[in-house]
C-alpha atoms as a PDB file:
ATOM      1  CA  MET A   1       8.700  17.120  -9.290  1.00  0.00           C
ATOM      2  CA  PRO A   2       6.720  19.895  -7.574  1.00  0.00           C
ATOM      3  CA  ARG A   3       6.611  19.764  -3.794  1.00  0.00           C
ATOM      4  CA  ASN A   4       2.809  19.402  -3.558  1.00  0.00           C
ATOM      5  CA  ILE A   5       2.810  16.348  -5.859  1.00  0.00           C
ATOM      6  CA  THR A   6       5.616  14.772  -3.854  1.00  0.00           C
ATOM      7  CA  SER A   7       3.720  15.289  -0.609  1.00  0.00           C
ATOM      8  CA  GLU A   8       0.530  13.867  -2.175  1.00  0.00           C
ATOM      9  CA  ILE A   9       2.461  10.783  -3.329  1.00  0.00           C
ATOM     10  CA  ASP A  10       4.016  10.360   0.131  1.00  0.00           C
ATOM     11  CA  ALA A  11       0.632  10.674   1.836  1.00  0.00           C
ATOM     12  CA  LEU A  12      -1.089   8.247  -0.543  1.00  0.00           C
ATOM     13  CA  HIS A  13       1.810   5.804  -0.191  1.00  0.00           C
ATOM     14  CA  ARG A  14       1.330   5.740   3.584  1.00  0.00           C
ATOM     15  CA  ILE A  15      -2.437   5.262   3.200  1.00  0.00           C
ATOM     16  CA  LEU A  16      -2.112   2.453   0.648  1.00  0.00           C
ATOM     17  CA  THR A  17       0.524   0.663   2.712  1.00  0.00           C
ATOM     18  CA  VAL A  18      -2.083   0.405   5.484  1.00  0.00           C
ATOM     19  CA  GLU A  19      -4.859  -0.510   3.007  1.00  0.00           C
ATOM     20  CA  LEU A  20      -2.738  -3.381   1.701  1.00  0.00           C
ATOM     21  CA  ASP A  21      -2.872  -4.970   5.158  1.00  0.00           C
ATOM     22  CA  HIS A  22      -6.554  -5.702   4.496  1.00  0.00           C
ATOM     23  CA  PHE A  23      -5.724  -7.846   1.448  1.00  0.00           C
ATOM     24  CA  ARG A  24      -4.208 -11.310   1.266  1.00  0.00           C
ATOM     25  CA  ARG A  25      -1.056 -12.034  -0.702  1.00  0.00           C
ATOM     26  CA  ASP A  26      -1.743 -12.487  -4.437  1.00  0.00           C
ATOM     27  CA  GLU A  27      -5.218 -10.963  -4.009  1.00  0.00           C
ATOM     28  CA  ALA A  28      -6.403  -8.359  -6.518  1.00  0.00           C
ATOM     29  CA  PHE A  29      -5.959  -4.788  -5.247  1.00  0.00           C
ATOM     30  CA  TYR A  30      -7.892  -1.677  -6.243  1.00  0.00           C
ATOM     31  CA  SER A  31      -7.671  -0.522  -9.855  1.00  0.00           C
ATOM     32  CA  THR A  32      -6.093   2.812 -10.753  1.00  0.00           C
ATOM     33  CA  ARG A  33      -9.517   4.270 -11.447  1.00  0.00           C
ATOM     34  CA  THR A  34     -10.893   3.026  -8.125  1.00  0.00           C
ATOM     35  CA  LEU A  35      -7.935   4.559  -6.266  1.00  0.00           C
ATOM     36  CA  MET A  36      -8.446   7.864  -8.074  1.00  0.00           C
ATOM     37  CA  ARG A  37     -12.099   7.962  -7.008  1.00  0.00           C
ATOM     38  CA  LYS A  38     -11.702   6.561  -3.509  1.00  0.00           C
ATOM     39  CA  PHE A  39      -8.887   8.924  -2.498  1.00  0.00           C
ATOM     40  CA  ASN A  40      -9.744  11.853  -4.789  1.00  0.00           C
ATOM     41  CA  ARG A  41      -6.296  11.899  -6.415  1.00  0.00           C
ATOM     42  CA  SER A  42      -5.167  12.547  -9.972  1.00  0.00           C
ATOM     43  CA  ARG A  43      -4.071   9.740 -12.274  1.00  0.00           C
ATOM     44  CA  ARG A  44      -0.505  11.075 -12.138  1.00  0.00           C
ATOM     45  CA  VAL A  45      -0.353  10.880  -8.323  1.00  0.00           C
ATOM     46  CA  VAL A  46      -1.943   7.413  -8.247  1.00  0.00           C
ATOM     47  CA  GLU A  47       0.344   6.003 -10.947  1.00  0.00           C
ATOM     48  CA  ARG A  48       3.487   7.365  -9.294  1.00  0.00           C
ATOM     49  CA  THR A  49       2.371   5.996  -5.948  1.00  0.00           C
ATOM     50  CA  LEU A  50       1.698   2.594  -7.521  1.00  0.00           C
ATOM     51  CA  ARG A  51       5.155   2.677  -9.122  1.00  0.00           C
ATOM     52  CA  ARG A  52       6.642   3.343  -5.696  1.00  0.00           C
ATOM     53  CA  LEU A  53       4.669   0.463  -4.152  1.00  0.00           C
ATOM     54  CA  THR A  54       5.924  -1.761  -6.977  1.00  0.00           C
ATOM     55  CA  ASP A  55       9.506  -0.668  -6.342  1.00  0.00           C
ATOM     56  CA  ASP A  56       8.977  -1.427  -2.624  1.00  0.00           C
ATOM     57  CA  GLY A  57       7.843  -4.952  -3.545  1.00  0.00           C
ATOM     58  CA  GLN A  58       4.381  -4.445  -2.051  1.00  0.00           C
ATOM     59  CA  ILE A  59       2.348  -4.871  -5.247  1.00  0.00           C
ATOM     60  CA  VAL A  60       2.681  -6.434  -8.687  1.00  0.00           C
ATOM     61  CA  ILE A  61       1.102  -4.774 -11.714  1.00  0.00           C
ATOM     62  CA  GLU A  62       0.045  -7.075 -14.547  1.00  0.00           C
ATOM     63  CA  PRO A  63      -0.720  -4.817 -17.537  1.00  0.00           C
ATOM     64  CA  GLY A  64      -4.202  -5.475 -18.859  1.00  0.00           C
ATOM     65  CA  ILE A  65      -4.991  -7.806 -15.953  1.00  0.00           C
ATOM     66  CA  GLY A  66      -4.781  -5.828 -12.713  1.00  0.00           C
ATOM     67  CA  ILE A  67      -2.884  -4.881  -9.608  1.00  0.00           C
ATOM     68  CA  PHE A  68      -2.133  -7.599  -7.073  1.00  0.00           C
ATOM     69  CA  VAL A  69      -0.682  -7.744  -3.587  1.00  0.00           C
ATOM     70  CA  SER A  70       2.847  -9.099  -3.863  1.00  0.00           C
ATOM     71  CA  HIS A  71       3.385 -12.696  -2.812  1.00  0.00           C
ATOM     72  CA  ASN A  72       6.482 -11.536  -0.906  1.00  0.00           C
ATOM     73  CA  ARG A  73       4.786  -8.679   0.945  1.00  0.00           C
ATOM     74  CA  ASN A  74       4.956  -8.707   4.723  1.00  0.00           C
ATOM     75  CA  ARG A  75       2.106  -7.110   6.595  1.00  0.00           C
ATOM     76  CA  ASN A  76       2.836  -4.279   8.975  1.00  0.00           C
ATOM     77  CA  HIS A  77       1.876  -6.093  12.145  1.00  0.00           C
ATOM     78  CA  HIS A  78       2.728  -4.713  15.503  1.00  0.00           C
ATOM     79  CA  VAL A  79       3.159  -7.116  18.370  1.00  0.00           C
ATOM     80  CA  ILE A  80       2.585  -6.019  21.932  1.00  0.00           C
ATOM     81  CA  ALA A  81       3.764  -8.393  24.596  1.00  0.00           C
ATOM     82  CA  SER A  82       3.228  -8.244  28.306  1.00  0.00           C
ATOM     83  CA  VAL A  83       5.047 -10.426  30.797  1.00  0.00           C
ATOM     84  CA  HIS A  84       3.851 -10.808  34.347  1.00  0.00           C
ATOM     85  CA  CYS A  85       6.088 -12.628  36.762  1.00  0.00           C
ATOM     86  CA  ASP A  86       4.315 -13.895  39.838  1.00  0.00           C
ATOM     87  CA  TRP A  87       6.951 -16.003  41.489  1.00  0.00           C
ATOM     88  CA  PRO A  88       8.211 -15.127  44.959  1.00  0.00           C
END
């Protein structure tokens, strides 16, 4: 696979991983065509990125029905904790 396609797939994968955080589990995700338009990417790049997201367990593709956020997907939440001790 040419280097520029690989880097496009990597970049889109990172973007879509963040986008998926805005969807609930089992919710319909963007269609291939919508992703192509929204991110100005070729069908080949979008389909390979979707395949990678499927392999990662982040999405489920139902042919003829749509793309859905995986029921098993964990969101990429970051927790920041601060502890203040005020005892003597």
